[in-house]
Amino acid sequence: MQRHLHDISPLSTSYEMGLKRVLLSANESGCSITQIAVLELKAGERSAQHIHPDLQDAFFILDGEIDITIDGQVHHCQKEDFIFVEHLKAYELHAITDVRMLAMGCVIEAQRTKLYPILFEPNLRPMVWGGKRLTRWKQLPEQDNIGESWEVSTLDMLPSVIANGTWAGYPLSEVIAKMPEAILGKAVAKKYHNQMPLLVKFIDTKADLSVQVHPNDAMALREHNGSGKTEMWYVVDADPDAYIYAGFKEELTPEEYARRVADGTIMDALAKHEIRTGDVFYIPAGRVHAIGKGVILVEVQQSSDLTYRIYDYGRLGLDGKPRALHTELAAQALDYRVYKEYKNSYKDDIDAANPCLDTEHFSVRVVSLTQAIHRNMVGYDSFVISTCTQGSCKIRIRSTRDEVELREGFSCLIPAAIADYDIIPITPTAKLLESYINNSSQHTFRRMISQFLHISGF
């Protein structure tokens, strides 16, 4: 085979800048080479960060000067320089002058099927206040008293099991243990000791939930040797008269709290909020709260199931026995202060990922779609949990071209090492929540995802 460069038609590149002329494609090579191409970049063009879980890239500079940043280290390259980028290294290109360079990619076969968007088997939890709407909405066999769907969980009491790809049938926690940095992100794996720090649920309320509060990290560690529970709610659907309680409307002392619990007037001290689809409430540890009947919502929370029940309307559990109250522990956990606002406001622009909530424990974006959008989340050094609340879409990974269909009522975990993807609506409109750990302030343009342990298989 012989070709002349200028006889080859130029194509757009995956870097969203410049052009390439492919000298040899993967189909033609018959081996692990993905392609050999000549890239042509204009002075000043800069790519977004790239990362490949199963590819190694190499560049040979034919003409011009370019800065190639690999894991935060800038390499200034000029004519006849060669540079090699290992798999799972974050890199970006910045053309200093007009540049022509030879680009070569090679697949690491042992890694090829290891990282992809992960879907999960249904994971339902019966609750005394649950109903039938979750199973109907998810198009599952109808069940009553289903209060929660644990979308992404590594807690032993209700762990997520992977539904697709190489890892189908494996518990999520087992897969994370094999490759914690590649899935969670290097910073997340380090901070949370290789454990998934979030739990994402759908909640359906046929009846009111108990009045409750969650401990913070310090109290959870002291009392239970566990982690605290800060959470947020995104309302997916609500009956016309639906409401939630969040926070106090009048400031109490611990003594006044104890008196109101004893005489049954604690509800009178709670701030009540009428709700509608799209409303967001942040529930930090220590904030009293309860969800009223007639609501479906997404709950994003720390990976913990510690709850102190304060008031439960005197009802019995599914086992026919009174449900336990934890009023004394709750008294230690409660934040008795009154706040000016309990509902979170945010923009809901179309075809955009709208910042909704940024906390020390998690960040959440609301994504509203009528057309495809690109999400490059590599700079956050975190997994992304995409939860579809309306319509359906495809999530397509740019580096591997792997894609999954995500329909409303389900969630997808995108590993940190491949968190550069497109969201493509299948229905005329679609809406998702993206939940992740925001490490960008600490890790942008620094070491991203590197020095991963190479795992060849289970």
Protein backbone atom coordinates (compact mmCIF):
# COMPACT_ATOMS: atom_id res chain seq x y z
CA MET A 1 0.00 0.00 0.00
CA GLN A 2 1.33 3.42 -0.98
CA ARG A 3 -0.37 6.76 -0.41
CA HIS A 4 0.50 10.40 -0.87
CA LEU A 5 -0.48 12.69 1.99
CA HIS A 6 -2.24 15.31 -0.12
CA ASP A 7 -4.34 12.67 -1.89
CA ILE A 8 -6.04 11.90 1.47
CA SER A 9 -9.11 13.95 2.37
CA PRO A 10 -8.82 15.85 5.68
CA LEU A 11 -11.18 14.87 8.51
CA SER A 12 -12.16 16.49 11.80
CA THR A 13 -10.37 15.25 14.91
CA SER A 14 -11.57 14.01 18.29
CA TYR A 15 -9.76 16.99 19.85
CA GLU A 16 -12.46 19.35 18.45
CA MET A 17 -9.78 21.33 16.68
CA GLY A 18 -7.58 20.98 13.62
CA LEU A 19 -7.76 18.40 10.85
CA LYS A 20 -6.24 14.98 10.28
CA ARG A 21 -5.32 12.88 7.26
CA VAL A 22 -5.47 9.18 8.10
CA LEU A 23 -2.57 7.29 6.56
CA LEU A 24 -3.60 3.92 7.99
CA SER A 25 -6.85 3.02 9.79
CA ALA A 26 -7.53 0.27 12.33
CA ASN A 27 -9.53 -1.75 9.80
CA GLU A 28 -6.64 -1.63 7.35
CA SER A 29 -3.87 -2.36 9.84
CA GLY A 30 -5.23 -5.70 11.05
CA CYS A 31 -3.44 -5.22 14.37
CA SER A 32 -3.67 -3.18 17.55
CA ILE A 33 -2.84 0.10 15.77
CA THR A 34 -5.97 2.27 15.80
CA GLN A 35 -4.67 4.69 13.20
CA ILE A 36 -1.68 6.56 11.90
CA ALA A 37 -2.56 10.11 10.88
CA VAL A 38 -1.10 13.53 10.22
CA LEU A 39 -2.64 16.23 12.39
CA GLU A 40 -2.72 19.84 11.19
CA LEU A 41 -3.34 22.45 13.90
CA LYS A 42 -3.55 26.23 13.73
CA ALA A 43 -1.59 28.49 16.07
CA GLY A 44 -3.49 29.10 19.30
CA GLU A 45 -5.77 26.08 19.03
CA ARG A 46 -6.14 24.22 22.32
CA SER A 47 -7.83 20.90 22.96
CA ALA A 48 -9.85 19.85 25.97
CA GLN A 49 -8.28 17.27 28.25
CA HIS A 50 -8.20 13.76 26.82
CA ILE A 51 -7.80 10.42 28.53
CA HIS A 52 -7.82 6.90 27.04
CA PRO A 53 -8.37 3.81 29.19
CA ASP A 54 -7.27 1.36 26.51
CA LEU A 55 -5.05 3.37 24.15
CA GLN A 56 -1.52 4.65 24.14
CA ASP A 57 -0.81 7.67 21.94
CA ALA A 58 2.42 8.88 20.35
CA PHE A 59 3.19 12.09 18.47
CA PHE A 60 6.10 12.99 16.18
CA ILE A 61 6.37 16.71 15.35
CA LEU A 62 6.87 17.32 11.62
CA ASP A 63 6.69 21.14 11.68
CA GLY A 64 5.96 23.88 14.22
CA GLU A 65 5.84 24.09 18.00
CA ILE A 66 3.27 22.66 20.42
CA ASP A 67 2.84 22.31 24.18
CA ILE A 68 1.56 18.89 25.25
CA THR A 69 0.47 18.78 28.89
CA ILE A 70 0.47 15.28 30.43
CA ASP A 71 -0.87 14.92 33.96
CA GLY A 72 -0.21 18.59 34.62
CA GLN A 73 3.37 18.62 33.27
CA VAL A 74 3.95 20.78 30.18
CA HIS A 75 6.19 19.36 27.45
CA HIS A 76 7.28 21.93 24.86
CA CYS A 77 7.76 20.08 21.56
CA GLN A 78 9.13 21.24 18.22
CA LYS A 79 10.23 19.79 14.89
CA GLU A 80 11.56 16.21 15.12
CA ASP A 81 10.54 15.81 18.79
CA PHE A 82 8.73 12.60 19.76
CA ILE A 83 6.41 12.22 22.76
CA PHE A 84 4.59 9.17 24.12
CA VAL A 85 1.37 9.26 26.21
CA GLU A 86 0.56 6.18 28.28
CA HIS A 87 -3.01 4.97 28.72
CA LEU A 88 -4.91 6.50 31.65
CA LYS A 89 -2.85 9.69 31.43
CA ALA A 90 -4.79 12.95 31.05
CA TYR A 91 -3.35 15.16 28.31
CA GLU A 92 -4.14 18.24 26.22
CA LEU A 93 -2.66 19.92 23.17
CA HIS A 94 -1.88 23.64 22.69
CA ALA A 95 -0.50 24.70 19.32
CA ILE A 96 2.04 27.52 19.77
CA THR A 97 2.50 27.91 16.00
CA ASP A 98 0.88 26.19 13.05
CA VAL A 99 1.74 22.54 13.61
CA ARG A 100 1.87 19.33 11.61
CA MET A 101 2.54 16.14 13.51
CA LEU A 102 2.28 12.42 13.05
CA ALA A 103 -0.16 10.82 15.51
CA MET A 104 -0.23 7.10 16.25
CA GLY A 105 -2.58 5.15 18.54
CA CYS A 106 -2.22 1.60 19.82
CA VAL A 107 -4.84 -0.47 21.69
CA ILE A 108 -3.94 -2.28 24.89
CA GLU A 109 -6.08 -5.36 24.37
CA ALA A 110 -6.10 -6.36 28.06
CA GLN A 111 -7.72 -3.03 28.94
CA ARG A 112 -10.12 -2.80 26.03
CA THR A 113 -13.27 -4.08 27.70
CA LYS A 114 -12.50 -2.99 31.22
CA LEU A 115 -13.99 0.49 31.39
CA TYR A 116 -17.41 1.39 30.03
CA PRO A 117 -20.65 3.08 31.20
CA ILE A 118 -22.10 0.78 33.86
CA LEU A 119 -25.81 -0.05 34.21
CA PHE A 120 -27.38 -1.87 37.14
CA GLU A 121 -29.97 -4.51 37.95
CA PRO A 122 -33.16 -3.28 39.68
CA ASN A 123 -32.48 -2.82 43.40
CA LEU A 124 -35.75 -2.17 45.22
CA ARG A 125 -36.42 -1.66 48.92
CA PRO A 126 -39.86 -2.23 50.50
CA MET A 127 -40.92 0.46 53.00
CA VAL A 128 -44.10 0.89 55.02
CA TRP A 129 -44.75 4.23 53.29
CA GLY A 130 -43.87 3.00 49.76
CA GLY A 131 -46.23 2.44 46.84
CA LYS A 132 -46.44 0.99 43.33
CA ARG A 133 -45.29 3.95 41.25
CA LEU A 134 -41.58 3.08 41.12
CA THR A 135 -42.16 -0.35 39.59
CA ARG A 136 -44.71 1.07 37.16
CA TRP A 137 -42.42 3.94 36.16
CA LYS A 138 -39.45 1.62 35.69
CA GLN A 139 -41.66 -0.82 33.74
CA LEU A 140 -40.89 -3.64 36.17
CA PRO A 141 -43.33 -6.26 37.51
CA GLU A 142 -45.67 -4.32 39.76
CA GLN A 143 -45.02 -4.45 43.50
CA ASP A 144 -46.62 -2.54 46.35
CA ASN A 145 -44.83 -0.93 49.30
CA ILE A 146 -41.71 -0.19 47.22
CA GLY A 147 -40.38 2.99 48.79
CA GLU A 148 -36.86 3.14 47.38
CA SER A 149 -34.82 2.12 44.36
CA TRP A 150 -31.13 2.12 45.25
CA GLU A 151 -29.67 3.11 41.93
CA VAL A 152 -25.97 3.11 42.79
CA SER A 153 -25.01 1.53 46.10
CA THR A 154 -22.10 -0.29 47.68
CA LEU A 155 -23.71 -0.68 51.12
CA ASP A 156 -23.89 -4.30 52.23
CA MET A 157 -27.60 -4.14 53.03
CA LEU A 158 -28.62 -3.42 49.40
CA PRO A 159 -25.62 -3.49 47.01
CA SER A 160 -25.83 -2.65 43.31
CA VAL A 161 -25.19 -5.48 40.85
CA ILE A 162 -23.91 -4.64 37.37
CA ALA A 163 -26.28 -5.45 34.50
CA ASN A 164 -24.16 -4.95 31.35
CA GLY A 165 -20.80 -5.67 29.74
CA THR A 166 -17.79 -7.56 31.02
CA TRP A 167 -18.76 -7.10 34.66
CA ALA A 168 -22.41 -8.22 34.36
CA GLY A 169 -23.42 -10.07 37.53
CA TYR A 170 -20.62 -8.59 39.67
CA PRO A 171 -21.39 -6.42 42.72
CA LEU A 172 -20.23 -2.86 42.09
CA SER A 173 -18.08 -2.91 45.24
CA GLU A 174 -16.10 -5.89 43.92
CA VAL A 175 -15.35 -4.17 40.62
CA ILE A 176 -14.29 -0.96 42.38
CA ALA A 177 -11.93 -3.01 44.54
CA LYS A 178 -10.19 -4.25 41.37
CA MET A 179 -9.60 -0.77 39.90
CA PRO A 180 -10.48 1.92 42.45
CA GLU A 181 -8.57 4.81 40.87
CA ALA A 182 -9.79 4.12 37.34
CA ILE A 183 -13.43 3.94 38.44
CA LEU A 184 -13.63 6.39 41.34
CA GLY A 185 -10.86 8.80 40.32
CA LYS A 186 -7.46 9.08 41.94
CA ALA A 187 -8.40 11.86 44.39
CA VAL A 188 -11.69 10.18 45.33
CA ALA A 189 -10.04 6.79 45.86
CA LYS A 190 -7.42 8.38 48.11
CA LYS A 191 -9.85 10.46 50.17
CA TYR A 192 -12.43 7.71 50.64
CA HIS A 193 -10.05 4.74 51.00
CA ASN A 194 -11.10 3.12 47.69
CA GLN A 195 -14.79 3.18 48.66
CA MET A 196 -17.71 4.64 46.70
CA PRO A 197 -18.66 7.77 48.70
CA LEU A 198 -22.18 8.28 47.30
CA LEU A 199 -25.51 6.51 47.32
CA VAL A 200 -28.17 7.55 44.78
CA LYS A 201 -31.84 6.57 45.17
CA PHE A 202 -35.30 7.11 43.80
CA ILE A 203 -37.95 7.50 46.53
CA ASP A 204 -41.73 7.07 46.12
CA THR A 205 -44.04 8.08 48.95
CA LYS A 206 -47.56 6.66 49.16
CA ALA A 207 -47.67 7.97 52.75
CA ASP A 208 -45.72 10.53 54.77
CA LEU A 209 -42.22 9.58 55.86
CA SER A 210 -41.16 9.88 59.48
CA VAL A 211 -39.70 13.11 60.83
CA GLN A 212 -35.98 12.42 61.05
CA VAL A 213 -32.43 13.72 61.10
CA HIS A 214 -29.02 12.31 60.15
CA PRO A 215 -25.74 12.61 62.06
CA ASN A 216 -22.67 14.37 60.70
CA ASP A 217 -19.39 12.56 60.14
CA ALA A 218 -18.02 13.26 63.61
CA MET A 219 -21.10 11.95 65.42
CA ALA A 220 -21.47 8.97 63.08
CA LEU A 221 -17.87 7.98 63.73
CA ARG A 222 -18.24 8.43 67.50
CA GLU A 223 -21.56 6.61 67.87
CA HIS A 224 -21.50 4.05 65.06
CA ASN A 225 -17.96 3.93 63.63
CA GLY A 226 -19.52 4.97 60.34
CA SER A 227 -19.93 8.01 58.09
CA GLY A 228 -22.52 10.75 58.38
CA LYS A 229 -25.33 11.44 55.99
CA THR A 230 -25.76 14.67 54.08
CA GLU A 231 -28.22 14.48 51.20
CA MET A 232 -30.15 16.43 48.59
CA TRP A 233 -33.56 15.97 46.99
CA TYR A 234 -34.58 16.61 43.39
CA VAL A 235 -38.34 16.38 42.86
CA VAL A 236 -39.21 14.23 39.82
CA ASP A 237 -42.98 14.27 40.25
CA ALA A 238 -45.37 15.58 42.88
CA ASP A 239 -49.12 15.53 43.42
CA PRO A 240 -50.75 19.00 43.30
CA ASP A 241 -50.94 19.23 47.11
CA ALA A 242 -47.58 17.55 47.84
CA TYR A 243 -45.15 19.00 50.35
CA ILE A 244 -41.99 18.28 52.28
CA TYR A 245 -40.63 19.43 55.62
CA ALA A 246 -37.09 20.79 55.79
CA GLY A 247 -35.65 22.69 58.75
CA PHE A 248 -37.27 24.49 61.66
CA LYS A 249 -39.52 27.52 61.25
CA GLU A 250 -38.86 28.56 64.84
CA GLU A 251 -35.64 28.19 66.78
CA LEU A 252 -35.76 25.58 69.53
CA THR A 253 -33.55 24.74 72.46
CA PRO A 254 -32.82 21.07 73.17
CA GLU A 255 -35.23 21.33 76.12
CA GLU A 256 -38.02 22.73 73.91
CA TYR A 257 -37.37 19.99 71.39
CA ALA A 258 -37.72 17.32 74.09
CA ARG A 259 -40.98 18.88 75.30
CA ARG A 260 -42.46 19.02 71.79
CA VAL A 261 -41.50 15.40 71.12
CA ALA A 262 -43.13 14.38 74.41
CA ASP A 263 -46.39 16.28 73.85
CA GLY A 264 -46.67 15.49 70.12
CA THR A 265 -46.32 19.06 68.82
CA ILE A 266 -42.94 18.71 67.07
CA MET A 267 -44.64 18.99 63.66
CA ASP A 268 -45.76 22.52 64.53
CA ALA A 269 -42.12 23.66 64.68
CA LEU A 270 -41.14 22.38 61.23
CA ALA A 271 -40.89 24.45 58.05
CA LYS A 272 -43.36 23.09 55.48
CA HIS A 273 -42.73 23.59 51.75
CA GLU A 274 -45.12 23.04 48.85
CA ILE A 275 -43.21 21.39 46.01
CA ARG A 276 -43.32 20.80 42.28
CA THR A 277 -41.22 19.00 39.67
CA GLY A 278 -37.67 20.32 39.51
CA ASP A 279 -37.48 21.64 43.06
CA VAL A 280 -34.20 21.01 44.89
CA PHE A 281 -33.60 20.87 48.63
CA TYR A 282 -30.25 20.48 50.33
CA ILE A 283 -30.47 18.45 53.56
CA PRO A 284 -27.16 18.71 55.39
CA ALA A 285 -26.53 16.45 58.37
CA GLY A 286 -28.38 17.90 61.36
CA ARG A 287 -31.34 19.34 59.42
CA VAL A 288 -34.72 17.98 60.49
CA HIS A 289 -36.79 16.78 57.52
CA ALA A 290 -39.63 14.61 56.23
CA ILE A 291 -41.07 13.85 52.79
CA GLY A 292 -44.84 14.04 52.43
CA LYS A 293 -47.01 11.63 50.47
CA GLY A 294 -47.47 11.77 46.69
CA VAL A 295 -43.85 12.42 45.73
CA ILE A 296 -41.19 10.78 43.56
CA LEU A 297 -37.75 12.24 44.02
CA VAL A 298 -34.05 11.55 43.52
CA GLU A 299 -31.95 11.46 46.66
CA VAL A 300 -28.19 11.94 46.34
CA GLN A 301 -26.42 11.29 49.62
CA GLN A 302 -23.30 10.18 51.37
CA SER A 303 -22.94 6.41 51.38
CA SER A 304 -24.61 5.84 54.74
CA ASP A 305 -27.94 4.60 56.05
CA LEU A 306 -27.80 6.23 59.49
CA THR A 307 -31.16 7.78 60.35
CA TYR A 308 -32.55 9.02 63.67
CA ARG A 309 -36.34 8.83 63.67
CA ILE A 310 -38.02 11.54 65.75
CA TYR A 311 -41.74 11.10 65.03
CA ASP A 312 -43.56 8.39 63.04
CA TYR A 313 -47.30 9.03 63.50
CA GLY A 314 -47.63 5.98 65.76
CA ARG A 315 -47.72 3.57 62.83
CA LEU A 316 -46.48 0.00 62.61
CA GLY A 317 -43.78 -1.29 60.29
CA LEU A 318 -44.19 -3.92 57.57
CA ASP A 319 -43.50 -6.53 60.27
CA GLY A 320 -46.51 -5.32 62.29
CA LYS A 321 -44.35 -3.92 65.09
CA PRO A 322 -43.88 -0.27 66.12
CA ARG A 323 -40.94 1.36 64.38
CA ALA A 324 -38.14 2.44 66.67
CA LEU A 325 -37.61 6.11 67.54
CA HIS A 326 -34.20 7.66 68.27
CA THR A 327 -35.17 10.93 69.92
CA GLU A 328 -32.17 11.20 72.26
CA LEU A 329 -29.60 10.62 69.51
CA ALA A 330 -31.57 13.00 67.30
CA ALA A 331 -31.32 15.66 70.03
CA GLN A 332 -27.51 15.47 69.75
CA ALA A 333 -27.55 15.55 65.95
CA LEU A 334 -30.05 18.36 65.35
CA ASP A 335 -29.20 21.83 64.10
CA TYR A 336 -31.82 23.87 65.96
CA ARG A 337 -31.22 27.10 64.05
CA VAL A 338 -33.67 28.69 61.61
CA TYR A 339 -32.42 29.54 58.10
CA LYS A 340 -33.78 32.15 55.72
CA GLU A 341 -34.14 29.73 52.79
CA TYR A 342 -34.31 25.96 52.60
CA LYS A 343 -35.02 25.46 48.89
CA ASN A 344 -32.12 25.76 46.43
CA SER A 345 -32.54 27.87 43.31
CA TYR A 346 -30.74 27.14 40.03
CA LYS A 347 -30.97 27.90 36.32
CA ASP A 348 -32.51 25.21 34.14
CA ASP A 349 -31.20 26.21 30.72
CA ILE A 350 -31.93 23.90 27.81
CA ASP A 351 -29.07 21.88 26.27
CA ALA A 352 -26.82 22.65 29.19
CA ALA A 353 -25.50 21.09 32.38
CA ASN A 354 -26.82 23.49 35.00
CA PRO A 355 -24.99 23.81 38.33
CA CYS A 356 -27.48 22.87 41.00
CA LEU A 357 -25.50 22.10 44.14
CA ASP A 358 -21.83 22.10 45.14
CA THR A 359 -20.98 20.79 48.61
CA GLU A 360 -17.98 19.25 50.32
CA HIS A 361 -19.62 15.84 49.93
CA PHE A 362 -20.92 15.93 46.34
CA SER A 363 -21.85 18.14 43.40
CA VAL A 364 -25.00 17.85 41.29
CA ARG A 365 -25.83 19.21 37.83
CA VAL A 366 -29.25 19.22 36.14
CA VAL A 367 -28.91 18.41 32.44
CA SER A 368 -31.82 19.35 30.17
CA LEU A 369 -31.60 18.13 26.57
CA THR A 370 -33.20 18.61 23.18
CA GLN A 371 -29.97 17.85 21.30
CA ALA A 372 -26.65 16.13 21.90
CA ILE A 373 -24.19 17.78 24.27
CA HIS A 374 -20.57 16.99 25.10
CA ARG A 375 -19.54 16.46 28.73
CA ASN A 376 -15.81 16.39 29.43
CA MET A 377 -15.62 15.65 33.17
CA VAL A 378 -12.02 14.40 33.22
CA GLY A 379 -10.85 17.52 35.07
CA TYR A 380 -12.97 16.64 38.12
CA ASP A 381 -11.01 13.41 38.74
CA SER A 382 -14.25 11.68 39.72
CA PHE A 383 -16.79 9.12 38.62
CA VAL A 384 -20.11 10.52 37.37
CA ILE A 385 -23.52 9.05 38.22
CA SER A 386 -26.07 9.99 35.54
CA THR A 387 -29.67 9.54 36.65
CA CYS A 388 -32.39 9.93 34.02
CA THR A 389 -35.56 11.57 35.32
CA GLN A 390 -37.35 12.26 32.02
CA GLY A 391 -37.23 10.75 28.52
CA SER A 392 -34.33 8.61 27.37
CA CYS A 393 -30.88 9.17 25.92
CA LYS A 394 -27.63 7.52 24.92
CA ILE A 395 -24.34 8.04 26.71
CA ARG A 396 -21.42 7.55 24.33
CA ILE A 397 -17.82 7.50 25.55
CA ARG A 398 -15.52 9.45 23.23
CA SER A 399 -12.35 7.42 23.80
CA THR A 400 -13.85 3.95 23.35
CA ARG A 401 -17.10 4.70 21.43
CA ASP A 402 -18.91 2.45 23.93
CA GLU A 403 -22.48 3.58 24.49
CA VAL A 404 -25.49 2.67 26.60
CA GLU A 405 -29.12 3.61 26.46
CA LEU A 406 -30.41 5.28 29.62
CA ARG A 407 -34.14 5.65 30.10
CA GLU A 408 -36.07 7.48 32.75
CA GLY A 409 -36.05 5.81 36.13
CA PHE A 410 -32.53 4.37 35.73
CA SER A 411 -28.94 5.39 36.40
CA CYS A 412 -25.52 4.88 34.87
CA LEU A 413 -22.06 5.04 36.48
CA ILE A 414 -19.35 6.53 34.25
CA PRO A 415 -15.85 5.63 35.50
CA ALA A 416 -13.52 8.56 36.09
CA ALA A 417 -10.97 7.40 33.51
CA ILE A 418 -13.50 7.62 30.66
CA ALA A 419 -15.57 10.60 31.84
CA ASP A 420 -15.40 12.36 28.47
CA TYR A 421 -18.68 11.58 26.73
CA ASP A 422 -21.65 12.73 24.71
CA ILE A 423 -25.27 12.65 25.88
CA ILE A 424 -27.59 12.12 22.92
CA PRO A 425 -31.36 12.39 23.49
CA ILE A 426 -33.50 9.61 22.03
CA THR A 427 -36.80 11.25 22.97
CA PRO A 428 -37.53 14.88 21.91
CA THR A 429 -36.53 16.03 25.40
CA ALA A 430 -34.58 14.34 28.17
CA LYS A 431 -33.45 15.32 31.66
CA LEU A 432 -30.68 13.89 33.82
CA LEU A 433 -28.97 14.53 37.11
CA GLU A 434 -25.17 14.25 37.20
CA SER A 435 -23.70 13.49 40.63
CA TYR A 436 -19.95 13.47 41.29
CA ILE A 437 -17.18 14.62 43.61
CA ASN A 438 -15.79 17.98 42.54
CA ASN A 439 -12.00 17.87 42.80
CA SER A 440 -11.40 20.52 40.14
CA SER A 441 -10.10 23.24 42.47
CA GLN A 442 -7.40 20.90 43.72
CA HIS A 443 -6.56 18.98 40.60
CA THR A 444 -7.12 21.07 37.44
CA PHE A 445 -3.92 21.06 35.36
CA ARG A 446 -2.23 18.84 37.93
CA ARG A 447 -1.78 15.11 38.02
CA MET A 448 -5.14 13.64 37.02
CA ILE A 449 -5.48 9.90 36.62
CA SER A 450 -2.12 8.20 36.51
CA GLN A 451 -0.05 5.32 37.82
CA PHE A 452 -3.03 2.97 37.72
CA LEU A 453 -2.54 -0.67 38.61
CA HIS A 454 -2.82 -2.69 35.40
CA ILE A 455 -5.45 -5.39 35.83
CA SER A 456 -5.63 -7.98 33.06
CA GLY A 457 -8.84 -9.62 34.21
CA PHE A 458 -10.76 -11.19 37.05
